[in-house]
PDB file of N, CA and C in Angstrom:
ATOM      1  N   GLN A   1      18.103 -12.410   7.139  1.00  0.00           N
ATOM      2  CA  GLN A   1      16.854 -11.953   7.742  1.00  0.00           C
ATOM      3  C   GLN A   1      16.715 -10.444   7.579  1.00  0.00           C
ATOM      4  N   VAL A   2      15.483 -10.000   7.416  1.00  0.00           N
ATOM      5  CA  VAL A   2      15.193  -8.588   7.267  1.00  0.00           C
ATOM      6  C   VAL A   2      14.194  -8.157   8.329  1.00  0.00           C
ATOM      7  N   GLN A   3      14.154  -6.849   8.589  1.00  0.00           N
ATOM      8  CA  GLN A   3      13.195  -6.274   9.513  1.00  0.00           C
ATOM      9  C   GLN A   3      12.126  -5.531   8.720  1.00  0.00           C
ATOM     10  N   VAL A   4      10.867  -5.713   9.116  1.00  0.00           N
ATOM     11  CA  VAL A   4       9.731  -5.200   8.369  1.00  0.00           C
ATOM     12  C   VAL A   4       8.873  -4.328   9.265  1.00  0.00           C
ATOM     13  N   VAL A   5       8.489  -3.148   8.766  1.00  0.00           N
ATOM     14  CA  VAL A   5       7.641  -2.228   9.504  1.00  0.00           C
ATOM     15  C   VAL A   5       6.549  -1.695   8.586  1.00  0.00           C
ATOM     16  N   GLU A   6       5.278  -1.947   8.951  1.00  0.00           N
ATOM     17  CA  GLU A   6       4.147  -1.418   8.196  1.00  0.00           C
ATOM     18  C   GLU A   6       3.720  -0.070   8.756  1.00  0.00           C
ATOM     19  N   SER A   7       3.120   0.742   7.897  1.00  0.00           N
ATOM     20  CA  SER A   7       2.558   2.010   8.314  1.00  0.00           C
ATOM     21  C   SER A   7       1.469   2.410   7.332  1.00  0.00           C
ATOM     22  N   GLY A   8       0.708   3.433   7.682  1.00  0.00           N
ATOM     23  CA  GLY A   8      -0.299   3.970   6.790  1.00  0.00           C
ATOM     24  C   GLY A   8      -1.718   3.564   7.110  1.00  0.00           C
ATOM     25  N   GLY A   9      -1.900   2.714   8.097  1.00  0.00           N
ATOM     26  CA  GLY A   9      -3.240   2.323   8.485  1.00  0.00           C
ATOM     27  C   GLY A   9      -3.990   3.472   9.121  1.00  0.00           C
ATOM     28  N   GLY A  10      -5.288   3.309   9.236  1.00  0.00           N
ATOM     29  CA  GLY A  10      -6.111   4.342   9.822  1.00  0.00           C
ATOM     30  C   GLY A  10      -7.571   4.069   9.589  1.00  0.00           C
ATOM     31  N   LEU A  11      -8.382   5.079   9.837  1.00  0.00           N
ATOM     32  CA  LEU A  11      -9.827   4.986   9.663  1.00  0.00           C
ATOM     33  C   LEU A  11     -10.225   5.679   8.372  1.00  0.00           C
ATOM     34  N   VAL A  12     -10.985   4.988   7.554  1.00  0.00           N
ATOM     35  CA  VAL A  12     -11.459   5.561   6.300  1.00  0.00           C
ATOM     36  C   VAL A  12     -12.894   5.114   6.068  1.00  0.00           C
ATOM     37  N   GLN A  13     -13.711   5.999   5.519  1.00  0.00           N
ATOM     38  CA  GLN A  13     -15.095   5.669   5.244  1.00  0.00           C
ATOM     39  C   GLN A  13     -15.209   4.716   4.065  1.00  0.00           C
ATOM     40  N   ALA A  14     -16.263   3.936   4.049  1.00  0.00           N
ATOM     41  CA  ALA A  14     -16.511   3.042   2.926  1.00  0.00           C
ATOM     42  C   ALA A  14     -16.503   3.823   1.622  1.00  0.00           C
ATOM     43  N   GLY A  15     -15.844   3.260   0.622  1.00  0.00           N
ATOM     44  CA  GLY A  15     -15.692   3.940  -0.656  1.00  0.00           C
ATOM     45  C   GLY A  15     -14.434   4.761  -0.762  1.00  0.00           C
ATOM     46  N   GLY A  16     -13.753   4.963   0.341  1.00  0.00           N
ATOM     47  CA  GLY A  16     -12.548   5.752   0.358  1.00  0.00           C
ATOM     48  C   GLY A  16     -11.308   4.952   0.024  1.00  0.00           C
ATOM     49  N   SER A  17     -10.150   5.614   0.123  1.00  0.00           N
ATOM     50  CA  SER A  17      -8.876   5.008  -0.244  1.00  0.00           C
ATOM     51  C   SER A  17      -7.857   5.158   0.870  1.00  0.00           C
ATOM     52  N   LEU A  18      -6.888   4.259   0.864  1.00  0.00           N
ATOM     53  CA  LEU A  18      -5.811   4.279   1.836  1.00  0.00           C
ATOM     54  C   LEU A  18      -4.601   3.602   1.221  1.00  0.00           C
ATOM     55  N   ARG A  19      -3.414   4.095   1.536  1.00  0.00           N
ATOM     56  CA  ARG A  19      -2.182   3.496   1.048  1.00  0.00           C
ATOM     57  C   ARG A  19      -1.339   3.030   2.225  1.00  0.00           C
ATOM     58  N   LEU A  20      -1.039   1.746   2.240  1.00  0.00           N
ATOM     59  CA  LEU A  20      -0.183   1.166   3.256  1.00  0.00           C
ATOM     60  C   LEU A  20       1.245   1.069   2.737  1.00  0.00           C
ATOM     61  N   SER A  21       2.201   1.278   3.628  1.00  0.00           N
ATOM     62  CA  SER A  21       3.607   1.173   3.277  1.00  0.00           C
ATOM     63  C   SER A  21       4.277   0.102   4.121  1.00  0.00           C
ATOM     64  N   CYS A  22       5.270  -0.524   3.549  1.00  0.00           N
ATOM     65  CA  CYS A  22       6.061  -1.539   4.230  1.00  0.00           C
ATOM     66  C   CYS A  22       7.526  -1.214   4.003  1.00  0.00           C
ATOM     67  N   ALA A  23       8.199  -0.791   5.054  1.00  0.00           N
ATOM     68  CA  ALA A  23       9.615  -0.462   4.980  1.00  0.00           C
ATOM     69  C   ALA A  23      10.435  -1.648   5.462  1.00  0.00           C
ATOM     70  N   VAL A  24      11.421  -2.028   4.686  1.00  0.00           N
ATOM     71  CA  VAL A  24      12.226  -3.210   4.972  1.00  0.00           C
ATOM     72  C   VAL A  24      13.683  -2.814   5.106  1.00  0.00           C
ATOM     73  N   SER A  25      14.292  -3.202   6.204  1.00  0.00           N
ATOM     74  CA  SER A  25      15.709  -2.939   6.418  1.00  0.00           C
ATOM     75  C   SER A  25      16.531  -4.137   5.982  1.00  0.00           C
ATOM     76  N   GLY A  26      17.773  -3.883   5.654  1.00  0.00           N
ATOM     77  CA  GLY A  26      18.649  -4.949   5.230  1.00  0.00           C
ATOM     78  C   GLY A  26      19.151  -4.752   3.812  1.00  0.00           C
ATOM     79  N   ARG A  27      20.064  -5.595   3.417  1.00  0.00           N
ATOM     80  CA  ARG A  27      20.708  -5.479   2.116  1.00  0.00           C
ATOM     81  C   ARG A  27      20.133  -6.417   1.067  1.00  0.00           C
ATOM     82  N   THR A  28      19.181  -7.256   1.442  1.00  0.00           N
ATOM     83  CA  THR A  28      18.703  -8.297   0.544  1.00  0.00           C
ATOM     84  C   THR A  28      17.226  -8.190   0.188  1.00  0.00           C
ATOM     85  N   PHE A  29      16.632  -7.016   0.330  1.00  0.00           N
ATOM     86  CA  PHE A  29      15.222  -6.841   0.015  1.00  0.00           C
ATOM     87  C   PHE A  29      14.913  -7.272  -1.416  1.00  0.00           C
ATOM     88  N   ARG A  30      15.805  -7.004  -2.312  1.00  0.00           N
ATOM     89  CA  ARG A  30      15.603  -7.321  -3.721  1.00  0.00           C
ATOM     90  C   ARG A  30      15.507  -8.819  -3.980  1.00  0.00           C
ATOM     91  N   LEU A  31      15.925  -9.634  -3.019  1.00  0.00           N
ATOM     92  CA  LEU A  31      15.881 -11.079  -3.156  1.00  0.00           C
ATOM     93  C   LEU A  31      14.617 -11.685  -2.563  1.00  0.00           C
ATOM     94  N   TYR A  32      13.764 -10.857  -1.982  1.00  0.00           N
ATOM     95  CA  TYR A  32      12.572 -11.334  -1.293  1.00  0.00           C
ATOM     96  C   TYR A  32      11.312 -11.101  -2.107  1.00  0.00           C
ATOM     97  N   SER A  33      10.511 -12.141  -2.236  1.00  0.00           N
ATOM     98  CA  SER A  33       9.143 -11.969  -2.676  1.00  0.00           C
ATOM     99  C   SER A  33       8.326 -11.486  -1.481  1.00  0.00           C
ATOM    100  N   MET A  34       7.350 -10.623  -1.728  1.00  0.00           N
ATOM    101  CA  MET A  34       6.629  -9.976  -0.645  1.00  0.00           C
ATOM    102  C   MET A  34       5.126 -10.168  -0.799  1.00  0.00           C
ATOM    103  N   ALA A  35       4.420 -10.003   0.312  1.00  0.00           N
ATOM    104  CA  ALA A  35       2.971 -10.164   0.290  1.00  0.00           C
ATOM    105  C   ALA A  35       2.330  -9.350   1.399  1.00  0.00           C
ATOM    106  N   TRP A  36       1.048  -9.096   1.223  1.00  0.00           N
ATOM    107  CA  TRP A  36       0.206  -8.511   2.257  1.00  0.00           C
ATOM    108  C   TRP A  36      -0.826  -9.537   2.702  1.00  0.00           C
ATOM    109  N   PHE A  37      -0.970  -9.668   3.999  1.00  0.00           N
ATOM    110  CA  PHE A  37      -2.016 -10.479   4.605  1.00  0.00           C
ATOM    111  C   PHE A  37      -2.845  -9.588   5.521  1.00  0.00           C
ATOM    112  N   ARG A  38      -4.030 -10.059   5.861  1.00  0.00           N
ATOM    113  CA  ARG A  38      -4.855  -9.324   6.815  1.00  0.00           C
ATOM    114  C   ARG A  38      -5.577 -10.298   7.728  1.00  0.00           C
ATOM    115  N   GLN A  39      -5.928  -9.813   8.901  1.00  0.00           N
ATOM    116  CA  GLN A  39      -6.627 -10.639   9.866  1.00  0.00           C
ATOM    117  C   GLN A  39      -7.655  -9.798  10.601  1.00  0.00           C
ATOM    118  N   ALA A  40      -8.909 -10.177  10.454  1.00  0.00           N
ATOM    119  CA  ALA A  40     -10.007  -9.517  11.129  1.00  0.00           C
ATOM    120  C   ALA A  40     -10.313 -10.259  12.425  1.00  0.00           C
ATOM    121  N   PRO A  41     -10.948  -9.589  13.382  1.00  0.00           N
ATOM    122  CA  PRO A  41     -11.284 -10.243  14.646  1.00  0.00           C
ATOM    123  C   PRO A  41     -12.093 -11.516  14.436  1.00  0.00           C
ATOM    124  N   GLY A  42     -11.654 -12.596  15.074  1.00  0.00           N
ATOM    125  CA  GLY A  42     -12.358 -13.858  14.984  1.00  0.00           C
ATOM    126  C   GLY A  42     -12.134 -14.635  13.711  1.00  0.00           C
ATOM    127  N   LYS A  43     -11.261 -14.145  12.834  1.00  0.00           N
ATOM    128  CA  LYS A  43     -11.010 -14.820  11.574  1.00  0.00           C
ATOM    129  C   LYS A  43      -9.537 -15.199  11.443  1.00  0.00           C
ATOM    130  N   GLU A  44      -9.272 -16.139  10.542  1.00  0.00           N
ATOM    131  CA  GLU A  44      -7.903 -16.551  10.272  1.00  0.00           C
ATOM    132  C   GLU A  44      -7.200 -15.520   9.397  1.00  0.00           C
ATOM    133  N   ARG A  45      -5.888 -15.569   9.423  1.00  0.00           N
ATOM    134  CA  ARG A  45      -5.103 -14.682   8.576  1.00  0.00           C
ATOM    135  C   ARG A  45      -5.396 -14.983   7.110  1.00  0.00           C
ATOM    136  N   GLU A  46      -5.609 -13.936   6.326  1.00  0.00           N
ATOM    137  CA  GLU A  46      -6.075 -14.061   4.960  1.00  0.00           C
ATOM    138  C   GLU A  46      -5.101 -13.421   3.985  1.00  0.00           C
ATOM    139  N   PHE A  47      -4.810 -14.116   2.907  1.00  0.00           N
ATOM    140  CA  PHE A  47      -3.967 -13.576   1.851  1.00  0.00           C
ATOM    141  C   PHE A  47      -4.669 -12.427   1.148  1.00  0.00           C
ATOM    142  N   VAL A  48      -3.930 -11.369   0.867  1.00  0.00           N
ATOM    143  CA  VAL A  48      -4.475 -10.205   0.177  1.00  0.00           C
ATOM    144  C   VAL A  48      -3.834 -10.026  -1.197  1.00  0.00           C
ATOM    145  N   ALA A  49      -2.514  -9.920  -1.233  1.00  0.00           N
ATOM    146  CA  ALA A  49      -1.810  -9.686  -2.485  1.00  0.00           C
ATOM    147  C   ALA A  49      -0.345 -10.038  -2.317  1.00  0.00           C
ATOM    148  N   SER A  50       0.320 -10.346  -3.418  1.00  0.00           N
ATOM    149  CA  SER A  50       1.741 -10.648  -3.380  1.00  0.00           C
ATOM    150  C   SER A  50       2.430 -10.073  -4.614  1.00  0.00           C
ATOM    151  N   ILE A  51       3.741  -9.942  -4.505  1.00  0.00           N
ATOM    152  CA  ILE A  51       4.536  -9.407  -5.598  1.00  0.00           C
ATOM    153  C   ILE A  51       5.883 -10.117  -5.610  1.00  0.00           C
ATOM    154  N   SER A  52       6.348 -10.475  -6.800  1.00  0.00           N
ATOM    155  CA  SER A  52       7.599 -11.195  -6.922  1.00  0.00           C
ATOM    156  C   SER A  52       8.785 -10.303  -6.571  1.00  0.00           C
ATOM    157  N   TYR A  53       9.943 -10.931  -6.424  1.00  0.00           N
ATOM    158  CA  TYR A  53      11.119 -10.181  -5.974  1.00  0.00           C
ATOM    159  C   TYR A  53      11.507  -9.039  -6.893  1.00  0.00           C
ATOM    160  N   SER A  54      11.230  -9.186  -8.185  1.00  0.00           N
ATOM    161  CA  SER A  54      11.548  -8.143  -9.144  1.00  0.00           C
ATOM    162  C   SER A  54      10.388  -7.177  -9.374  1.00  0.00           C
ATOM    163  N   GLY A  55       9.219  -7.516  -8.863  1.00  0.00           N
ATOM    164  CA  GLY A  55       8.031  -6.715  -9.085  1.00  0.00           C
ATOM    165  C   GLY A  55       7.298  -7.044 -10.370  1.00  0.00           C
ATOM    166  N   GLY A  56       7.767  -8.030 -11.098  1.00  0.00           N
ATOM    167  CA  GLY A  56       7.199  -8.343 -12.386  1.00  0.00           C
ATOM    168  C   GLY A  56       5.915  -9.147 -12.350  1.00  0.00           C
ATOM    169  N   THR A  57       5.648  -9.804 -11.244  1.00  0.00           N
ATOM    170  CA  THR A  57       4.466 -10.649 -11.130  1.00  0.00           C
ATOM    171  C   THR A  57       3.699 -10.297  -9.869  1.00  0.00           C
ATOM    172  N   THR A  58       2.402 -10.091 -10.008  1.00  0.00           N
ATOM    173  CA  THR A  58       1.541  -9.810  -8.861  1.00  0.00           C
ATOM    174  C   THR A  58       0.379 -10.780  -8.822  1.00  0.00           C
ATOM    175  N   LEU A  59      -0.140 -10.991  -7.629  1.00  0.00           N
ATOM    176  CA  LEU A  59      -1.264 -11.892  -7.420  1.00  0.00           C
ATOM    177  C   LEU A  59      -2.184 -11.265  -6.382  1.00  0.00           C
ATOM    178  N   TYR A  60      -3.499 -11.372  -6.611  1.00  0.00           N
ATOM    179  CA  TYR A  60      -4.475 -10.772  -5.717  1.00  0.00           C
ATOM    180  C   TYR A  60      -5.539 -11.773  -5.310  1.00  0.00           C
ATOM    181  N   ALA A  61      -6.004 -11.635  -4.090  1.00  0.00           N
ATOM    182  CA  ALA A  61      -7.168 -12.391  -3.667  1.00  0.00           C
ATOM    183  C   ALA A  61      -8.379 -11.912  -4.454  1.00  0.00           C
ATOM    184  N   ASP A  62      -9.315 -12.821  -4.723  1.00  0.00           N
ATOM    185  CA  ASP A  62     -10.499 -12.458  -5.491  1.00  0.00           C
ATOM    186  C   ASP A  62     -11.267 -11.305  -4.855  1.00  0.00           C
ATOM    187  N   SER A  63     -11.253 -11.245  -3.548  1.00  0.00           N
ATOM    188  CA  SER A  63     -12.025 -10.242  -2.837  1.00  0.00           C
ATOM    189  C   SER A  63     -11.509  -8.817  -3.038  1.00  0.00           C
ATOM    190  N   VAL A  64     -10.265  -8.667  -3.495  1.00  0.00           N
ATOM    191  CA  VAL A  64      -9.686  -7.331  -3.644  1.00  0.00           C
ATOM    192  C   VAL A  64      -9.295  -7.002  -5.075  1.00  0.00           C
ATOM    193  N   LYS A  65      -9.454  -7.927  -5.993  1.00  0.00           N
ATOM    194  CA  LYS A  65      -9.092  -7.674  -7.388  1.00  0.00           C
ATOM    195  C   LYS A  65      -9.849  -6.475  -7.934  1.00  0.00           C
ATOM    196  N   GLY A  66      -9.125  -5.615  -8.625  1.00  0.00           N
ATOM    197  CA  GLY A  66      -9.725  -4.427  -9.199  1.00  0.00           C
ATOM    198  C   GLY A  66      -9.799  -3.255  -8.251  1.00  0.00           C
ATOM    199  N   ARG A  67      -9.559  -3.490  -6.966  1.00  0.00           N
ATOM    200  CA  ARG A  67      -9.627  -2.420  -5.971  1.00  0.00           C
ATOM    201  C   ARG A  67      -8.276  -2.126  -5.323  1.00  0.00           C
ATOM    202  N   PHE A  68      -7.460  -3.157  -5.137  1.00  0.00           N
ATOM    203  CA  PHE A  68      -6.163  -3.008  -4.478  1.00  0.00           C
ATOM    204  C   PHE A  68      -5.042  -3.165  -5.494  1.00  0.00           C
ATOM    205  N   THR A  69      -3.931  -2.473  -5.258  1.00  0.00           N
ATOM    206  CA  THR A  69      -2.754  -2.580  -6.103  1.00  0.00           C
ATOM    207  C   THR A  69      -1.510  -2.699  -5.236  1.00  0.00           C
ATOM    208  N   ILE A  70      -0.720  -3.728  -5.483  1.00  0.00           N
ATOM    209  CA  ILE A  70       0.527  -3.927  -4.760  1.00  0.00           C
ATOM    210  C   ILE A  70       1.691  -3.476  -5.641  1.00  0.00           C
ATOM    211  N   SER A  71       2.690  -2.862  -5.035  1.00  0.00           N
ATOM    212  CA  SER A  71       3.845  -2.392  -5.784  1.00  0.00           C
ATOM    213  C   SER A  71       5.073  -2.381  -4.880  1.00  0.00           C
ATOM    214  N   ARG A  72       6.255  -2.248  -5.481  1.00  0.00           N
ATOM    215  CA  ARG A  72       7.481  -2.196  -4.698  1.00  0.00           C
ATOM    216  C   ARG A  72       8.543  -1.403  -5.440  1.00  0.00           C
ATOM    217  N   ASP A  73       9.496  -0.895  -4.685  1.00  0.00           N
ATOM    218  CA  ASP A  73      10.649  -0.209  -5.235  1.00  0.00           C
ATOM    219  C   ASP A  73      11.862  -0.743  -4.492  1.00  0.00           C
ATOM    220  N   ASN A  74      12.614  -1.603  -5.139  1.00  0.00           N
ATOM    221  CA  ASN A  74      13.749  -2.243  -4.480  1.00  0.00           C
ATOM    222  C   ASN A  74      14.850  -1.252  -4.119  1.00  0.00           C
ATOM    223  N   ALA A  75      14.955  -0.170  -4.869  1.00  0.00           N
ATOM    224  CA  ALA A  75      15.950   0.847  -4.564  1.00  0.00           C
ATOM    225  C   ALA A  75      15.632   1.572  -3.264  1.00  0.00           C
ATOM    226  N   LYS A  76      14.354   1.597  -2.883  1.00  0.00           N
ATOM    227  CA  LYS A  76      13.916   2.259  -1.659  1.00  0.00           C
ATOM    228  C   LYS A  76      13.603   1.284  -0.534  1.00  0.00           C
ATOM    229  N   ASN A  77      13.753   0.003  -0.782  1.00  0.00           N
ATOM    230  CA  ASN A  77      13.428  -1.024   0.209  1.00  0.00           C
ATOM    231  C   ASN A  77      12.010  -0.850   0.747  1.00  0.00           C
ATOM    232  N   THR A  78      11.075  -0.610  -0.157  1.00  0.00           N
ATOM    233  CA  THR A  78       9.714  -0.301   0.254  1.00  0.00           C
ATOM    234  C   THR A  78       8.696  -1.014  -0.629  1.00  0.00           C
ATOM    235  N   MET A  79       7.610  -1.447  -0.007  1.00  0.00           N
ATOM    236  CA  MET A  79       6.478  -2.023  -0.703  1.00  0.00           C
ATOM    237  C   MET A  79       5.222  -1.271  -0.279  1.00  0.00           C
ATOM    238  N   TRP A  80       4.244  -1.179  -1.177  1.00  0.00           N
ATOM    239  CA  TRP A  80       2.999  -0.460  -0.897  1.00  0.00           C
ATOM    240  C   TRP A  80       1.790  -1.313  -1.245  1.00  0.00           C
ATOM    241  N   LEU A  81       0.693  -0.980  -0.606  1.00  0.00           N
ATOM    242  CA  LEU A  81      -0.604  -1.530  -0.967  1.00  0.00           C
ATOM    243  C   LEU A  81      -1.574  -0.361  -1.085  1.00  0.00           C
ATOM    244  N   GLN A  82      -1.969  -0.050  -2.308  1.00  0.00           N
ATOM    245  CA  GLN A  82      -2.956   0.988  -2.554  1.00  0.00           C
ATOM    246  C   GLN A  82      -4.336   0.359  -2.502  1.00  0.00           C
ATOM    247  N   MET A  83      -5.172   0.834  -1.602  1.00  0.00           N
ATOM    248  CA  MET A  83      -6.499   0.280  -1.403  1.00  0.00           C
ATOM    249  C   MET A  83      -7.535   1.324  -1.786  1.00  0.00           C
ATOM    250  N   ASN A  84      -8.344   1.006  -2.776  1.00  0.00           N
ATOM    251  CA  ASN A  84      -9.405   1.886  -3.239  1.00  0.00           C
ATOM    252  C   ASN A  84     -10.762   1.226  -3.038  1.00  0.00           C
ATOM    253  N   SER A  85     -11.799   2.039  -3.076  1.00  0.00           N
ATOM    254  CA  SER A  85     -13.173   1.538  -2.923  1.00  0.00           C
ATOM    255  C   SER A  85     -13.296   0.621  -1.715  1.00  0.00           C
ATOM    256  N   LEU A  86     -12.798   1.075  -0.602  1.00  0.00           N
ATOM    257  CA  LEU A  86     -12.770   0.250   0.598  1.00  0.00           C
ATOM    258  C   LEU A  86     -14.173  -0.091   1.085  1.00  0.00           C
ATOM    259  N   LYS A  87     -14.300  -1.302   1.598  1.00  0.00           N
ATOM    260  CA  LYS A  87     -15.554  -1.804   2.126  1.00  0.00           C
ATOM    261  C   LYS A  87     -15.404  -2.117   3.604  1.00  0.00           C
ATOM    262  N   PHE A  88     -16.526  -2.253   4.282  1.00  0.00           N
ATOM    263  CA  PHE A  88     -16.501  -2.633   5.681  1.00  0.00           C
ATOM    264  C   PHE A  88     -15.769  -3.964   5.860  1.00  0.00           C
ATOM    265  N   GLU A  89     -15.929  -4.859   4.914  1.00  0.00           N
ATOM    266  CA  GLU A  89     -15.300  -6.176   4.979  1.00  0.00           C
ATOM    267  C   GLU A  89     -13.778  -6.122   4.888  1.00  0.00           C
ATOM    268  N   ASP A  90     -13.219  -4.994   4.472  1.00  0.00           N
ATOM    269  CA  ASP A  90     -11.776  -4.843   4.373  1.00  0.00           C
ATOM    270  C   ASP A  90     -11.126  -4.496   5.709  1.00  0.00           C
ATOM    271  N   ALA A  91     -11.916  -4.152   6.690  1.00  0.00           N
ATOM    272  CA  ALA A  91     -11.379  -3.776   7.992  1.00  0.00           C
ATOM    273  C   ALA A  91     -10.634  -4.946   8.616  1.00  0.00           C
ATOM    274  N   ALA A  92      -9.397  -4.709   9.007  1.00  0.00           N
ATOM    275  CA  ALA A  92      -8.562  -5.761   9.568  1.00  0.00           C
ATOM    276  C   ALA A  92      -7.215  -5.167   9.948  1.00  0.00           C
ATOM    277  N   VAL A  93      -6.408  -5.982  10.607  1.00  0.00           N
ATOM    278  CA  VAL A  93      -5.003  -5.653  10.779  1.00  0.00           C
ATOM    279  C   VAL A  93      -4.260  -6.192   9.565  1.00  0.00           C
ATOM    280  N   TYR A  94      -3.524  -5.340   8.897  1.00  0.00           N
ATOM    281  CA  TYR A  94      -2.797  -5.721   7.693  1.00  0.00           C
ATOM    282  C   TYR A  94      -1.329  -5.941   8.017  1.00  0.00           C
ATOM    283  N   TYR A  95      -0.793  -7.047   7.508  1.00  0.00           N
ATOM    284  CA  TYR A  95       0.581  -7.433   7.770  1.00  0.00           C
ATOM    285  C   TYR A  95       1.390  -7.511   6.487  1.00  0.00           C
ATOM    286  N   CYS A  96       2.596  -7.018   6.548  1.00  0.00           N
ATOM    287  CA  CYS A  96       3.560  -7.157   5.482  1.00  0.00           C
ATOM    288  C   CYS A  96       4.416  -8.378   5.758  1.00  0.00           C
ATOM    289  N   ALA A  97       4.650  -9.191   4.739  1.00  0.00           N
ATOM    290  CA  ALA A  97       5.415 -10.417   4.911  1.00  0.00           C
ATOM    291  C   ALA A  97       6.371 -10.620   3.746  1.00  0.00           C
ATOM    292  N   GLY A  98       7.485 -11.293   4.028  1.00  0.00           N
ATOM    293  CA  GLY A  98       8.464 -11.554   2.994  1.00  0.00           C
ATOM    294  C   GLY A  98       9.013 -12.966   3.063  1.00  0.00           C
ATOM    295  N   ARG A  99       9.460 -13.453   1.932  1.00  0.00           N
ATOM    296  CA  ARG A  99      10.123 -14.737   1.847  1.00  0.00           C
ATOM    297  C   ARG A  99      11.236 -14.636   0.819  1.00  0.00           C
ATOM    298  N   ARG A 100      12.336 -15.292   1.093  1.00  0.00           N
ATOM    299  CA  ARG A 100      13.449 -15.260   0.154  1.00  0.00           C
ATOM    300  C   ARG A 100      13.171 -16.207  -1.002  1.00  0.00           C
ATOM    301  N   GLY A 101      13.073 -15.650  -2.185  1.00  0.00           N
ATOM    302  CA  GLY A 101      12.810 -16.460  -3.353  1.00  0.00           C
ATOM    303  C   GLY A 101      12.181 -15.642  -4.460  1.00  0.00           C
ATOM    304  N   SER A 102      12.158 -16.213  -5.640  1.00  0.00           N
ATOM    305  CA  SER A 102      11.674 -15.502  -6.810  1.00  0.00           C
ATOM    306  C   SER A 102      10.179 -15.642  -7.029  1.00  0.00           C
ATOM    307  N   TYR A 103       9.532 -16.531  -6.302  1.00  0.00           N
ATOM    308  CA  TYR A 103       8.107 -16.745  -6.466  1.00  0.00           C
ATOM    309  C   TYR A 103       7.380 -16.482  -5.157  1.00  0.00           C
ATOM    310  N   THR A 104       6.076 -16.299  -5.251  1.00  0.00           N
ATOM    311  CA  THR A 104       5.254 -16.019  -4.081  1.00  0.00           C
ATOM    312  C   THR A 104       4.324 -17.185  -3.790  1.00  0.00           C
ATOM    313  N   THR A 105       3.762 -17.166  -2.597  1.00  0.00           N
ATOM    314  CA  THR A 105       2.765 -18.135  -2.201  1.00  0.00           C
ATOM    315  C   THR A 105       1.676 -17.409  -1.424  1.00  0.00           C
ATOM    316  N   THR A 106       0.476 -17.984  -1.424  1.00  0.00           N
ATOM    317  CA  THR A 106      -0.630 -17.405  -0.676  1.00  0.00           C
ATOM    318  C   THR A 106      -0.712 -17.935   0.744  1.00  0.00           C
ATOM    319  N   ALA A 107       0.143 -18.867   1.089  1.00  0.00           N
ATOM    320  CA  ALA A 107       0.117 -19.490   2.409  1.00  0.00           C
ATOM    321  C   ALA A 107       0.976 -18.706   3.387  1.00  0.00           C
ATOM    322  N   PRO A 108       0.427 -18.328   4.533  1.00  0.00           N
ATOM    323  CA  PRO A 108       1.208 -17.565   5.516  1.00  0.00           C
ATOM    324  C   PRO A 108       2.470 -18.276   5.972  1.00  0.00           C
ATOM    325  N   GLN A 109       2.411 -19.604   6.078  1.00  0.00           N
ATOM    326  CA  GLN A 109       3.579 -20.349   6.546  1.00  0.00           C
ATOM    327  C   GLN A 109       4.736 -20.312   5.569  1.00  0.00           C
ATOM    328  N   GLY A 110       4.502 -19.836   4.372  1.00  0.00           N
ATOM    329  CA  GLY A 110       5.566 -19.702   3.403  1.00  0.00           C
ATOM    330  C   GLY A 110       6.426 -18.475   3.591  1.00  0.00           C
ATOM    331  N   TYR A 111       6.057 -17.610   4.523  1.00  0.00           N
ATOM    332  CA  TYR A 111       6.774 -16.370   4.779  1.00  0.00           C
ATOM    333  C   TYR A 111       7.402 -16.387   6.161  1.00  0.00           C
ATOM    334  N   ASP A 112       8.596 -15.858   6.272  1.00  0.00           N
ATOM    335  CA  ASP A 112       9.299 -15.890   7.545  1.00  0.00           C
ATOM    336  C   ASP A 112       9.737 -14.523   8.050  1.00  0.00           C
ATOM    337  N   ALA A 113       9.393 -13.470   7.345  1.00  0.00           N
ATOM    338  CA  ALA A 113       9.681 -12.118   7.795  1.00  0.00           C
ATOM    339  C   ALA A 113       8.365 -11.348   7.856  1.00  0.00           C
ATOM    340  N   TRP A 114       7.977 -10.928   9.044  1.00  0.00           N
ATOM    341  CA  TRP A 114       6.675 -10.297   9.255  1.00  0.00           C
ATOM    342  C   TRP A 114       6.787  -8.969   9.983  1.00  0.00           C
ATOM    343  N   GLY A 115       5.931  -8.044   9.611  1.00  0.00           N
ATOM    344  CA  GLY A 115       5.817  -6.801  10.343  1.00  0.00           C
ATOM    345  C   GLY A 115       4.875  -6.952  11.514  1.00  0.00           C
ATOM    346  N   GLN A 116       4.711  -5.874  12.265  1.00  0.00           N
ATOM    347  CA  GLN A 116       3.881  -5.900  13.466  1.00  0.00           C
ATOM    348  C   GLN A 116       2.403  -5.699  13.162  1.00  0.00           C
ATOM    349  N   GLY A 117       2.077  -5.275  11.965  1.00  0.00           N
ATOM    350  CA  GLY A 117       0.704  -5.049  11.565  1.00  0.00           C
ATOM    351  C   GLY A 117       0.292  -3.599  11.698  1.00  0.00           C
ATOM    352  N   THR A 118      -0.640  -3.181  10.845  1.00  0.00           N
ATOM    353  CA  THR A 118      -1.204  -1.848  10.915  1.00  0.00           C
ATOM    354  C   THR A 118      -2.718  -1.949  10.750  1.00  0.00           C
ATOM    355  N   GLN A 119      -3.451  -1.237  11.584  1.00  0.00           N
ATOM    356  CA  GLN A 119      -4.898  -1.358  11.642  1.00  0.00           C
ATOM    357  C   GLN A 119      -5.577  -0.529  10.567  1.00  0.00           C
ATOM    358  N   VAL A 120      -6.495  -1.152   9.851  1.00  0.00           N
ATOM    359  CA  VAL A 120      -7.348  -0.468   8.889  1.00  0.00           C
ATOM    360  C   VAL A 120      -8.783  -0.593   9.378  1.00  0.00           C
ATOM    361  N   THR A 121      -9.421   0.533   9.601  1.00  0.00           N
ATOM    362  CA  THR A 121     -10.786   0.558  10.106  1.00  0.00           C
ATOM    363  C   THR A 121     -11.710   1.186   9.073  1.00  0.00           C
ATOM    364  N   VAL A 122     -12.787   0.496   8.759  1.00  0.00           N
ATOM    365  CA  VAL A 122     -13.795   0.992   7.825  1.00  0.00           C
ATOM    366  C   VAL A 122     -15.145   0.909   8.538  1.00  0.00           C
ATOM    367  N   PRO A 123     -15.655   2.010   9.045  1.00  0.00           N
ATOM    368  CA  PRO A 123     -16.916   1.976   9.786  1.00  0.00           C
ATOM    369  C   PRO A 123     -18.084   1.544   8.901  1.00  0.00           C
ATOM    370  N   SER A 124     -19.034   0.862   9.500  1.00  0.00           N
ATOM    371  CA  SER A 124     -20.218   0.439   8.777  1.00  0.00           C
ATOM    372  C   SER A 124     -21.218   1.571   8.696  1.00  0.00           C
TER     373      SER A 124
END
C-alpha cells in the first residue's frame, strides 16, 4: 500500500492553466499504474487521465484531450496533471489514484490508493 497526497489546486480563470501534483510515499510507486479522477458537485466521480506504471502509455477522457497532459517520474515518486485552456466545466475536486499493475482502467473501483483531493475552481 502507498500513501497519496495531491496538491496544486486553486482558482484559475477560464483559459488559464494549472498544474496538479501527486506525491506518493512508499517503495513500490514504480509498480503502480496511476490516474486522475475528478468529481463536481452533484455529479459522479469522472475519469480524467491515466498513465501506465512505466509512463509509456497514457489515456485521456474525451473532454480533456488536447488540453490536459499526465506525466510521472518514478525516481521522484511523483505524478502531475498539466491542465491548459481550462473551462468552467473543469471545476471539480481532483483525485489522484493508483493501482498495482502494468495497465490502467477508467473505472474508479479499479484503484485502491487514493489521495484526499484538491479543489480546482474556474469561475464562470
